[in-house]
Amino acid sequence: MSIIKSKIRGVASVPFMADFQPLKSLWEGNNAPYPSEYSARWAVRKLRDELAQAQAVALHRSRLMVHPQRFAQVAERAAIAEFSNRCASSMEG
C-alpha cells in the first residue's frame, strides 16, 4: 500500500491502493490460493480480461498488484464456468 502525503500541514495522508497486495501474495504464505508463482501468473494470463473488468489487478510503478477479494471472486466464477462447460460437453458425448 502506498500513502499519498499531503503537503498541507494538518491534513491527513490518504492511503492509496489500500486493499491491493503484491502479486506474490497469491503464492506465498500458508493460505495462498496458488501453489507456485507459475500457476498464479498462468491464472492472471488466462483470466486477464475478467480480472481487469472486475478491477482485481492493477499496475502501480511497474508492479502488478492484486485485490485479493475481487481476484477470488473472478477465479471462483471461472472455476464454476469451467465445471459447467465440462459437464455440458460430457452430457453431449
PDB file of N, CA and C in Angstrom:
ATOM      1  N   MET A   1       0.845  -1.164   0.000  1.00  0.00           N
ATOM      2  CA  MET A   1       0.000   0.000   0.000  1.00  0.00           C
ATOM      3  C   MET A   1       0.894   1.231   0.000  1.00  0.00           C
ATOM      4  N   SER A   2       0.508   2.209  -0.753  1.00  0.00           N
ATOM      5  CA  SER A   2       1.199   3.485  -0.789  1.00  0.00           C
ATOM      6  C   SER A   2       0.379   4.514  -0.029  1.00  0.00           C
ATOM      7  N   ILE A   3       1.058   5.513   0.454  1.00  0.00           N
ATOM      8  CA  ILE A   3       0.395   6.610   1.153  1.00  0.00           C
ATOM      9  C   ILE A   3       0.681   7.886   0.367  1.00  0.00           C
ATOM     10  N   ILE A   4      -0.354   8.629   0.063  1.00  0.00           N
ATOM     11  CA  ILE A   4      -0.183   9.934  -0.561  1.00  0.00           C
ATOM     12  C   ILE A   4      -0.139  10.953   0.567  1.00  0.00           C
ATOM     13  N   LYS A   5       1.013  11.588   0.718  1.00  0.00           N
ATOM     14  CA  LYS A   5       1.195  12.544   1.801  1.00  0.00           C
ATOM     15  C   LYS A   5       0.740  13.921   1.355  1.00  0.00           C
ATOM     16  N   SER A   6       0.020  14.575   2.208  1.00  0.00           N
ATOM     17  CA  SER A   6      -0.439  15.931   1.932  1.00  0.00           C
ATOM     18  C   SER A   6       0.677  16.911   2.241  1.00  0.00           C
ATOM     19  N   LYS A   7       0.816  17.915   1.390  1.00  0.00           N
ATOM     20  CA  LYS A   7       1.822  18.943   1.625  1.00  0.00           C
ATOM     21  C   LYS A   7       1.295  20.037   2.543  1.00  0.00           C
ATOM     22  N   ILE A   8       0.033  19.939   2.889  1.00  0.00           N
ATOM     23  CA  ILE A   8      -0.582  20.930   3.763  1.00  0.00           C
ATOM     24  C   ILE A   8      -0.539  20.408   5.193  1.00  0.00           C
ATOM     25  N   ARG A   9       0.039  21.182   6.064  1.00  0.00           N
ATOM     26  CA  ARG A   9       0.162  20.769   7.464  1.00  0.00           C
ATOM     27  C   ARG A   9      -1.226  20.590   8.077  1.00  0.00           C
ATOM     28  N   GLY A  10      -1.414  19.481   8.787  1.00  0.00           N
ATOM     29  CA  GLY A  10      -2.674  19.223   9.466  1.00  0.00           C
ATOM     30  C   GLY A  10      -3.668  18.417   8.637  1.00  0.00           C
ATOM     31  N   VAL A  11      -3.371  18.191   7.360  1.00  0.00           N
ATOM     32  CA  VAL A  11      -4.259  17.405   6.503  1.00  0.00           C
ATOM     33  C   VAL A  11      -3.764  15.962   6.516  1.00  0.00           C
ATOM     34  N   ALA A  12      -4.672  15.045   6.750  1.00  0.00           N
ATOM     35  CA  ALA A  12      -4.313  13.631   6.878  1.00  0.00           C
ATOM     36  C   ALA A  12      -3.820  13.053   5.554  1.00  0.00           C
ATOM     37  N   SER A  13      -2.912  12.093   5.642  1.00  0.00           N
ATOM     38  CA  SER A  13      -2.446  11.362   4.469  1.00  0.00           C
ATOM     39  C   SER A  13      -3.547  10.439   3.982  1.00  0.00           C
ATOM     40  N   VAL A  14      -3.545  10.154   2.695  1.00  0.00           N
ATOM     41  CA  VAL A  14      -4.587   9.331   2.096  1.00  0.00           C
ATOM     42  C   VAL A  14      -3.982   8.000   1.649  1.00  0.00           C
ATOM     43  N   PRO A  15      -4.513   6.863   2.137  1.00  0.00           N
ATOM     44  CA  PRO A  15      -3.995   5.573   1.659  1.00  0.00           C
ATOM     45  C   PRO A  15      -4.354   5.377   0.195  1.00  0.00           C
ATOM     46  N   PHE A  16      -3.404   4.924  -0.568  1.00  0.00           N
ATOM     47  CA  PHE A  16      -3.566   4.718  -1.995  1.00  0.00           C
ATOM     48  C   PHE A  16      -3.444   3.227  -2.276  1.00  0.00           C
ATOM     49  N   MET A  17      -4.435   2.656  -2.936  1.00  0.00           N
ATOM     50  CA  MET A  17      -4.462   1.221  -3.233  1.00  0.00           C
ATOM     51  C   MET A  17      -4.401   0.405  -1.939  1.00  0.00           C
ATOM     52  N   ALA A  18      -5.134   0.819  -0.952  1.00  0.00           N
ATOM     53  CA  ALA A  18      -5.062   0.225   0.379  1.00  0.00           C
ATOM     54  C   ALA A  18      -5.390  -1.263   0.399  1.00  0.00           C
ATOM     55  N   ASP A  19      -6.297  -1.717  -0.441  1.00  0.00           N
ATOM     56  CA  ASP A  19      -6.708  -3.122  -0.406  1.00  0.00           C
ATOM     57  C   ASP A  19      -5.931  -3.994  -1.374  1.00  0.00           C
ATOM     58  N   PHE A  20      -5.004  -3.427  -2.116  1.00  0.00           N
ATOM     59  CA  PHE A  20      -4.212  -4.200  -3.071  1.00  0.00           C
ATOM     60  C   PHE A  20      -2.955  -4.738  -2.413  1.00  0.00           C
ATOM     61  N   GLN A  21      -2.522  -5.904  -2.886  1.00  0.00           N
ATOM     62  CA  GLN A  21      -1.316  -6.550  -2.368  1.00  0.00           C
ATOM     63  C   GLN A  21      -0.419  -6.927  -3.542  1.00  0.00           C
ATOM     64  N   PRO A  22       0.867  -7.138  -3.285  1.00  0.00           N
ATOM     65  CA  PRO A  22       1.759  -7.569  -4.370  1.00  0.00           C
ATOM     66  C   PRO A  22       1.307  -8.919  -4.935  1.00  0.00           C
ATOM     67  N   LEU A  23       1.609  -9.153  -6.180  1.00  0.00           N
ATOM     68  CA  LEU A  23       1.222 -10.392  -6.854  1.00  0.00           C
ATOM     69  C   LEU A  23       1.675 -11.631  -6.085  1.00  0.00           C
ATOM     70  N   LYS A  24       2.848 -11.562  -5.453  1.00  0.00           N
ATOM     71  CA  LYS A  24       3.381 -12.732  -4.754  1.00  0.00           C
ATOM     72  C   LYS A  24       2.486 -13.224  -3.621  1.00  0.00           C
ATOM     73  N   SER A  25       1.536 -12.403  -3.200  1.00  0.00           N
ATOM     74  CA  SER A  25       0.607 -12.850  -2.150  1.00  0.00           C
ATOM     75  C   SER A  25      -0.275 -13.995  -2.641  1.00  0.00           C
ATOM     76  N   LEU A  26      -0.322 -14.212  -3.957  1.00  0.00           N
ATOM     77  CA  LEU A  26      -1.117 -15.316  -4.500  1.00  0.00           C
ATOM     78  C   LEU A  26      -0.449 -16.671  -4.314  1.00  0.00           C
ATOM     79  N   TRP A  27       0.865 -16.700  -4.073  1.00  0.00           N
ATOM     80  CA  TRP A  27       1.545 -17.987  -3.898  1.00  0.00           C
ATOM     81  C   TRP A  27       2.373 -18.079  -2.622  1.00  0.00           C
ATOM     82  N   GLU A  28       2.566 -16.998  -1.905  1.00  0.00           N
ATOM     83  CA  GLU A  28       3.343 -17.051  -0.666  1.00  0.00           C
ATOM     84  C   GLU A  28       2.427 -17.091   0.550  1.00  0.00           C
ATOM     85  N   GLY A  29       2.838 -17.789   1.558  1.00  0.00           N
ATOM     86  CA  GLY A  29       2.064 -17.858   2.804  1.00  0.00           C
ATOM     87  C   GLY A  29       1.302 -19.160   2.922  1.00  0.00           C
ATOM     88  N   ASN A  30       0.775 -19.397   4.109  1.00  0.00           N
ATOM     89  CA  ASN A  30       0.081 -20.650   4.408  1.00  0.00           C
ATOM     90  C   ASN A  30      -1.239 -20.810   3.667  1.00  0.00           C
ATOM     91  N   ASN A  31      -1.968 -19.728   3.482  1.00  0.00           N
ATOM     92  CA  ASN A  31      -3.282 -19.805   2.846  1.00  0.00           C
ATOM     93  C   ASN A  31      -3.275 -19.281   1.414  1.00  0.00           C
ATOM     94  N   ALA A  32      -2.147 -19.372   0.762  1.00  0.00           N
ATOM     95  CA  ALA A  32      -2.032 -18.882  -0.617  1.00  0.00           C
ATOM     96  C   ALA A  32      -2.929 -19.702  -1.541  1.00  0.00           C
ATOM     97  N   PRO A  33      -3.667 -19.031  -2.435  1.00  0.00           N
ATOM     98  CA  PRO A  33      -4.584 -19.760  -3.312  1.00  0.00           C
ATOM     99  C   PRO A  33      -3.904 -20.531  -4.445  1.00  0.00           C
ATOM    100  N   TYR A  34      -2.636 -20.244  -4.734  1.00  0.00           N
ATOM    101  CA  TYR A  34      -1.917 -20.946  -5.803  1.00  0.00           C
ATOM    102  C   TYR A  34      -0.647 -21.561  -5.242  1.00  0.00           C
ATOM    103  N   PRO A  35      -0.273 -22.753  -5.726  1.00  0.00           N
ATOM    104  CA  PRO A  35       0.894 -23.438  -5.168  1.00  0.00           C
ATOM    105  C   PRO A  35       2.237 -22.870  -5.613  1.00  0.00           C
ATOM    106  N   SER A  36       2.254 -22.105  -6.709  1.00  0.00           N
ATOM    107  CA  SER A  36       3.527 -21.596  -7.207  1.00  0.00           C
ATOM    108  C   SER A  36       3.330 -20.279  -7.949  1.00  0.00           C
ATOM    109  N   GLU A  37       4.433 -19.603  -8.174  1.00  0.00           N
ATOM    110  CA  GLU A  37       4.407 -18.359  -8.941  1.00  0.00           C
ATOM    111  C   GLU A  37       3.900 -18.609 -10.353  1.00  0.00           C
ATOM    112  N   TYR A  38       4.322 -19.719 -10.952  1.00  0.00           N
ATOM    113  CA  TYR A  38       3.943 -20.018 -12.333  1.00  0.00           C
ATOM    114  C   TYR A  38       2.440 -20.256 -12.478  1.00  0.00           C
ATOM    115  N   SER A  39       1.846 -20.947 -11.522  1.00  0.00           N
ATOM    116  CA  SER A  39       0.405 -21.188 -11.622  1.00  0.00           C
ATOM    117  C   SER A  39      -0.379 -19.893 -11.386  1.00  0.00           C
ATOM    118  N   ALA A  40       0.106 -19.030 -10.514  1.00  0.00           N
ATOM    119  CA  ALA A  40      -0.567 -17.738 -10.277  1.00  0.00           C
ATOM    120  C   ALA A  40      -0.476 -16.859 -11.515  1.00  0.00           C
ATOM    121  N   ARG A  41       0.701 -16.793 -12.127  1.00  0.00           N
ATOM    122  CA  ARG A  41       0.869 -15.979 -13.339  1.00  0.00           C
ATOM    123  C   ARG A  41       0.054 -16.549 -14.501  1.00  0.00           C
ATOM    124  N   TRP A  42      -0.064 -17.867 -14.570  1.00  0.00           N
ATOM    125  CA  TRP A  42      -0.893 -18.500 -15.610  1.00  0.00           C
ATOM    126  C   TRP A  42      -2.351 -18.087 -15.423  1.00  0.00           C
ATOM    127  N   ALA A  43      -2.822 -18.084 -14.179  1.00  0.00           N
ATOM    128  CA  ALA A  43      -4.208 -17.688 -13.901  1.00  0.00           C
ATOM    129  C   ALA A  43      -4.435 -16.226 -14.284  1.00  0.00           C
ATOM    130  N   VAL A  44      -3.466 -15.375 -13.998  1.00  0.00           N
ATOM    131  CA  VAL A  44      -3.593 -13.959 -14.363  1.00  0.00           C
ATOM    132  C   VAL A  44      -3.683 -13.818 -15.882  1.00  0.00           C
ATOM    133  N   ARG A  45      -2.858 -14.571 -16.619  1.00  0.00           N
ATOM    134  CA  ARG A  45      -2.925 -14.512 -18.091  1.00  0.00           C
ATOM    135  C   ARG A  45      -4.252 -15.044 -18.604  1.00  0.00           C
ATOM    136  N   LYS A  46      -4.692 -16.152 -18.060  1.00  0.00           N
ATOM    137  CA  LYS A  46      -5.932 -16.782 -18.529  1.00  0.00           C
ATOM    138  C   LYS A  46      -7.162 -15.923 -18.224  1.00  0.00           C
ATOM    139  N   LEU A  47      -7.171 -15.278 -17.083  1.00  0.00           N
ATOM    140  CA  LEU A  47      -8.330 -14.509 -16.626  1.00  0.00           C
ATOM    141  C   LEU A  47      -8.136 -13.003 -16.791  1.00  0.00           C
ATOM    142  N   ARG A  48      -7.182 -12.610 -17.605  1.00  0.00           N
ATOM    143  CA  ARG A  48      -6.794 -11.197 -17.738  1.00  0.00           C
ATOM    144  C   ARG A  48      -7.980 -10.258 -17.949  1.00  0.00           C
ATOM    145  N   ASP A  49      -8.823 -10.551 -18.929  1.00  0.00           N
ATOM    146  CA  ASP A  49      -9.940  -9.658 -19.240  1.00  0.00           C
ATOM    147  C   ASP A  49     -10.933  -9.565 -18.081  1.00  0.00           C
ATOM    148  N   GLU A  50     -11.264 -10.709 -17.498  1.00  0.00           N
ATOM    149  CA  GLU A  50     -12.208 -10.723 -16.381  1.00  0.00           C
ATOM    150  C   GLU A  50     -11.644 -10.005 -15.159  1.00  0.00           C
ATOM    151  N   LEU A  51     -10.346 -10.196 -14.896  1.00  0.00           N
ATOM    152  CA  LEU A  51      -9.706  -9.541 -13.760  1.00  0.00           C
ATOM    153  C   LEU A  51      -9.675  -8.022 -13.948  1.00  0.00           C
ATOM    154  N   ALA A  52      -9.388  -7.590 -15.160  1.00  0.00           N
ATOM    155  CA  ALA A  52      -9.366  -6.150 -15.430  1.00  0.00           C
ATOM    156  C   ALA A  52     -10.762  -5.550 -15.284  1.00  0.00           C
ATOM    157  N   GLN A  53     -11.751  -6.242 -15.804  1.00  0.00           N
ATOM    158  CA  GLN A  53     -13.124  -5.746 -15.717  1.00  0.00           C
ATOM    159  C   GLN A  53     -13.588  -5.648 -14.256  1.00  0.00           C
ATOM    160  N   ALA A  54     -13.175  -6.590 -13.436  1.00  0.00           N
ATOM    161  CA  ALA A  54     -13.564  -6.599 -12.016  1.00  0.00           C
ATOM    162  C   ALA A  54     -12.664  -5.695 -11.165  1.00  0.00           C
ATOM    163  N   GLN A  55     -11.705  -5.038 -11.800  1.00  0.00           N
ATOM    164  CA  GLN A  55     -10.733  -4.200 -11.109  1.00  0.00           C
ATOM    165  C   GLN A  55      -9.999  -4.979 -10.023  1.00  0.00           C
ATOM    166  N   ALA A  56      -9.637  -6.213 -10.355  1.00  0.00           N
ATOM    167  CA  ALA A  56      -8.949  -7.092  -9.416  1.00  0.00           C
ATOM    168  C   ALA A  56      -7.433  -7.032  -9.551  1.00  0.00           C
ATOM    169  N   VAL A  57      -6.931  -6.424 -10.611  1.00  0.00           N
ATOM    170  CA  VAL A  57      -5.491  -6.264 -10.810  1.00  0.00           C
ATOM    171  C   VAL A  57      -5.198  -4.818 -11.178  1.00  0.00           C
ATOM    172  N   ALA A  58      -4.006  -4.377 -10.832  1.00  0.00           N
ATOM    173  CA  ALA A  58      -3.584  -3.021 -11.162  1.00  0.00           C
ATOM    174  C   ALA A  58      -2.070  -3.028 -11.361  1.00  0.00           C
ATOM    175  N   LEU A  59      -1.608  -2.119 -12.156  1.00  0.00           N
ATOM    176  CA  LEU A  59      -0.178  -1.957 -12.388  1.00  0.00           C
ATOM    177  C   LEU A  59       0.223  -0.624 -11.765  1.00  0.00           C
ATOM    178  N   HIS A  60       1.009  -0.688 -10.703  1.00  0.00           N
ATOM    179  CA  HIS A  60       1.431   0.521  -9.987  1.00  0.00           C
ATOM    180  C   HIS A  60       2.950   0.534  -9.916  1.00  0.00           C
ATOM    181  N   ARG A  61       3.558   1.557 -10.512  1.00  0.00           N
ATOM    182  CA  ARG A  61       5.016   1.683 -10.540  1.00  0.00           C
ATOM    183  C   ARG A  61       5.670   0.424 -11.091  1.00  0.00           C
ATOM    184  N   SER A  62       5.100  -0.091 -12.168  1.00  0.00           N
ATOM    185  CA  SER A  62       5.587  -1.295 -12.871  1.00  0.00           C
ATOM    186  C   SER A  62       5.476  -2.566 -12.040  1.00  0.00           C
ATOM    187  N   ARG A  63       4.687  -2.534 -10.984  1.00  0.00           N
ATOM    188  CA  ARG A  63       4.465  -3.735 -10.166  1.00  0.00           C
ATOM    189  C   ARG A  63       3.013  -4.152 -10.304  1.00  0.00           C
ATOM    190  N   LEU A  64       2.800  -5.426 -10.562  1.00  0.00           N
ATOM    191  CA  LEU A  64       1.448  -5.955 -10.659  1.00  0.00           C
ATOM    192  C   LEU A  64       0.910  -6.169  -9.251  1.00  0.00           C
ATOM    193  N   MET A  65      -0.245  -5.580  -8.980  1.00  0.00           N
ATOM    194  CA  MET A  65      -0.877  -5.674  -7.672  1.00  0.00           C
ATOM    195  C   MET A  65      -2.228  -6.360  -7.837  1.00  0.00           C
ATOM    196  N   VAL A  66      -2.651  -7.082  -6.809  1.00  0.00           N
ATOM    197  CA  VAL A  66      -3.942  -7.770  -6.863  1.00  0.00           C
ATOM    198  C   VAL A  66      -4.809  -7.360  -5.680  1.00  0.00           C
ATOM    199  N   HIS A  67      -6.095  -7.348  -5.926  1.00  0.00           N
ATOM    200  CA  HIS A  67      -7.086  -7.123  -4.867  1.00  0.00           C
ATOM    201  C   HIS A  67      -7.590  -8.522  -4.512  1.00  0.00           C
ATOM    202  N   PRO A  68      -7.204  -9.082  -3.365  1.00  0.00           N
ATOM    203  CA  PRO A  68      -7.484 -10.485  -3.060  1.00  0.00           C
ATOM    204  C   PRO A  68      -8.959 -10.888  -3.150  1.00  0.00           C
ATOM    205  N   GLN A  69      -9.856 -10.077  -2.625  1.00  0.00           N
ATOM    206  CA  GLN A  69     -11.274 -10.445  -2.638  1.00  0.00           C
ATOM    207  C   GLN A  69     -11.832 -10.444  -4.062  1.00  0.00           C
ATOM    208  N   ARG A  70     -11.515  -9.410  -4.826  1.00  0.00           N
ATOM    209  CA  ARG A  70     -12.004  -9.346  -6.207  1.00  0.00           C
ATOM    210  C   ARG A  70     -11.387 -10.455  -7.051  1.00  0.00           C
ATOM    211  N   PHE A  71     -10.104 -10.727  -6.840  1.00  0.00           N
ATOM    212  CA  PHE A  71      -9.430 -11.793  -7.571  1.00  0.00           C
ATOM    213  C   PHE A  71     -10.108 -13.128  -7.281  1.00  0.00           C
ATOM    214  N   ALA A  72     -10.400 -13.381  -6.013  1.00  0.00           N
ATOM    215  CA  ALA A  72     -11.041 -14.639  -5.619  1.00  0.00           C
ATOM    216  C   ALA A  72     -12.418 -14.785  -6.263  1.00  0.00           C
ATOM    217  N   GLN A  73     -13.166 -13.699  -6.354  1.00  0.00           N
ATOM    218  CA  GLN A  73     -14.492 -13.760  -6.977  1.00  0.00           C
ATOM    219  C   GLN A  73     -14.382 -14.125  -8.453  1.00  0.00           C
ATOM    220  N   VAL A  74     -13.423 -13.524  -9.158  1.00  0.00           N
ATOM    221  CA  VAL A  74     -13.233 -13.831 -10.579  1.00  0.00           C
ATOM    222  C   VAL A  74     -12.788 -15.283 -10.752  1.00  0.00           C
ATOM    223  N   ALA A  75     -11.840 -15.722  -9.938  1.00  0.00           N
ATOM    224  CA  ALA A  75     -11.354 -17.100 -10.028  1.00  0.00           C
ATOM    225  C   ALA A  75     -12.468 -18.101  -9.724  1.00  0.00           C
ATOM    226  N   GLU A  76     -13.314 -17.772  -8.764  1.00  0.00           N
ATOM    227  CA  GLU A  76     -14.434 -18.655  -8.417  1.00  0.00           C
ATOM    228  C   GLU A  76     -15.422 -18.767  -9.579  1.00  0.00           C
ATOM    229  N   ARG A  77     -15.778 -17.644 -10.180  1.00  0.00           N
ATOM    230  CA  ARG A  77     -16.697 -17.675 -11.337  1.00  0.00           C
ATOM    231  C   ARG A  77     -16.097 -18.474 -12.488  1.00  0.00           C
ATOM    232  N   ALA A  78     -14.788 -18.321 -12.724  1.00  0.00           N
ATOM    233  CA  ALA A  78     -14.127 -19.055 -13.800  1.00  0.00           C
ATOM    234  C   ALA A  78     -14.124 -20.559 -13.525  1.00  0.00           C
ATOM    235  N   ALA A  79     -13.902 -20.942 -12.278  1.00  0.00           N
ATOM    236  CA  ALA A  79     -13.888 -22.362 -11.919  1.00  0.00           C
ATOM    237  C   ALA A  79     -15.274 -22.980 -12.091  1.00  0.00           C
ATOM    238  N   ILE A  80     -16.304 -22.256 -11.714  1.00  0.00           N
ATOM    239  CA  ILE A  80     -17.677 -22.753 -11.867  1.00  0.00           C
ATOM    240  C   ILE A  80     -18.032 -22.866 -13.347  1.00  0.00           C
ATOM    241  N   ALA A  81     -17.641 -21.874 -14.132  1.00  0.00           N
ATOM    242  CA  ALA A  81     -17.909 -21.910 -15.573  1.00  0.00           C
ATOM    243  C   ALA A  81     -17.177 -23.072 -16.233  1.00  0.00           C
ATOM    244  N   GLU A  82     -15.952 -23.318 -15.829  1.00  0.00           N
ATOM    245  CA  GLU A  82     -15.169 -24.437 -16.387  1.00  0.00           C
ATOM    246  C   GLU A  82     -15.850 -25.770 -16.072  1.00  0.00           C
ATOM    247  N   PHE A  83     -16.302 -25.928 -14.851  1.00  0.00           N
ATOM    248  CA  PHE A  83     -17.001 -27.161 -14.471  1.00  0.00           C
ATOM    249  C   PHE A  83     -18.296 -27.317 -15.266  1.00  0.00           C
ATOM    250  N   SER A  84     -19.029 -26.235 -15.402  1.00  0.00           N
ATOM    251  CA  SER A  84     -20.289 -26.275 -16.158  1.00  0.00           C
ATOM    252  C   SER A  84     -20.041 -26.667 -17.615  1.00  0.00           C
ATOM    253  N   ASN A  85     -18.990 -26.108 -18.195  1.00  0.00           N
ATOM    254  CA  ASN A  85     -18.654 -26.445 -19.582  1.00  0.00           C
ATOM    255  C   ASN A  85     -18.281 -27.916 -19.723  1.00  0.00           C
ATOM    256  N   ARG A  86     -17.524 -28.436 -18.797  1.00  0.00           N
ATOM    257  CA  ARG A  86     -17.146 -29.860 -18.854  1.00  0.00           C
ATOM    258  C   ARG A  86     -18.352 -30.769 -18.686  1.00  0.00           C
ATOM    259  N   CYS A  87     -19.241 -30.394 -17.782  1.00  0.00           N
ATOM    260  CA  CYS A  87     -20.455 -31.190 -17.580  1.00  0.00           C
ATOM    261  C   CYS A  87     -21.313 -31.192 -18.833  1.00  0.00           C
ATOM    262  N   ALA A  88     -21.451 -30.039 -19.460  1.00  0.00           N
ATOM    263  CA  ALA A  88     -22.287 -29.927 -20.668  1.00  0.00           C
ATOM    264  C   ALA A  88     -21.678 -30.733 -21.803  1.00  0.00           C
ATOM    265  N   SER A  89     -20.360 -30.703 -21.969  1.00  0.00           N
ATOM    266  CA  SER A  89     -19.732 -31.436 -23.060  1.00  0.00           C
ATOM    267  C   SER A  89     -19.726 -32.940 -22.793  1.00  0.00           C
ATOM    268  N   SER A  90     -19.675 -33.367 -21.536  1.00  0.00           N
ATOM    269  CA  SER A  90     -19.720 -34.803 -21.244  1.00  0.00           C
ATOM    270  C   SER A  90     -21.141 -35.364 -21.425  1.00  0.00           C
ATOM    271  N   MET A  91     -22.134 -34.535 -21.246  1.00  0.00           N
ATOM    272  CA  MET A  91     -23.512 -34.976 -21.451  1.00  0.00           C
ATOM    273  C   MET A  91     -23.835 -35.108 -22.935  1.00  0.00           C
ATOM    274  N   GLU A  92     -23.174 -34.284 -23.760  1.00  0.00           N
ATOM    275  CA  GLU A  92     -23.412 -34.323 -25.194  1.00  0.00           C
ATOM    276  C   GLU A  92     -22.769 -35.554 -25.830  1.00  0.00           C
ATOM    277  N   GLY A  93     -21.625 -35.963 -25.299  1.00  0.00           N
ATOM    278  CA  GLY A  93     -20.859 -37.032 -25.911  1.00  0.00           C
ATOM    279  C   GLY A  93     -21.256 -38.341 -25.408  1.00  0.00           C
TER     280      GLY A  93
END
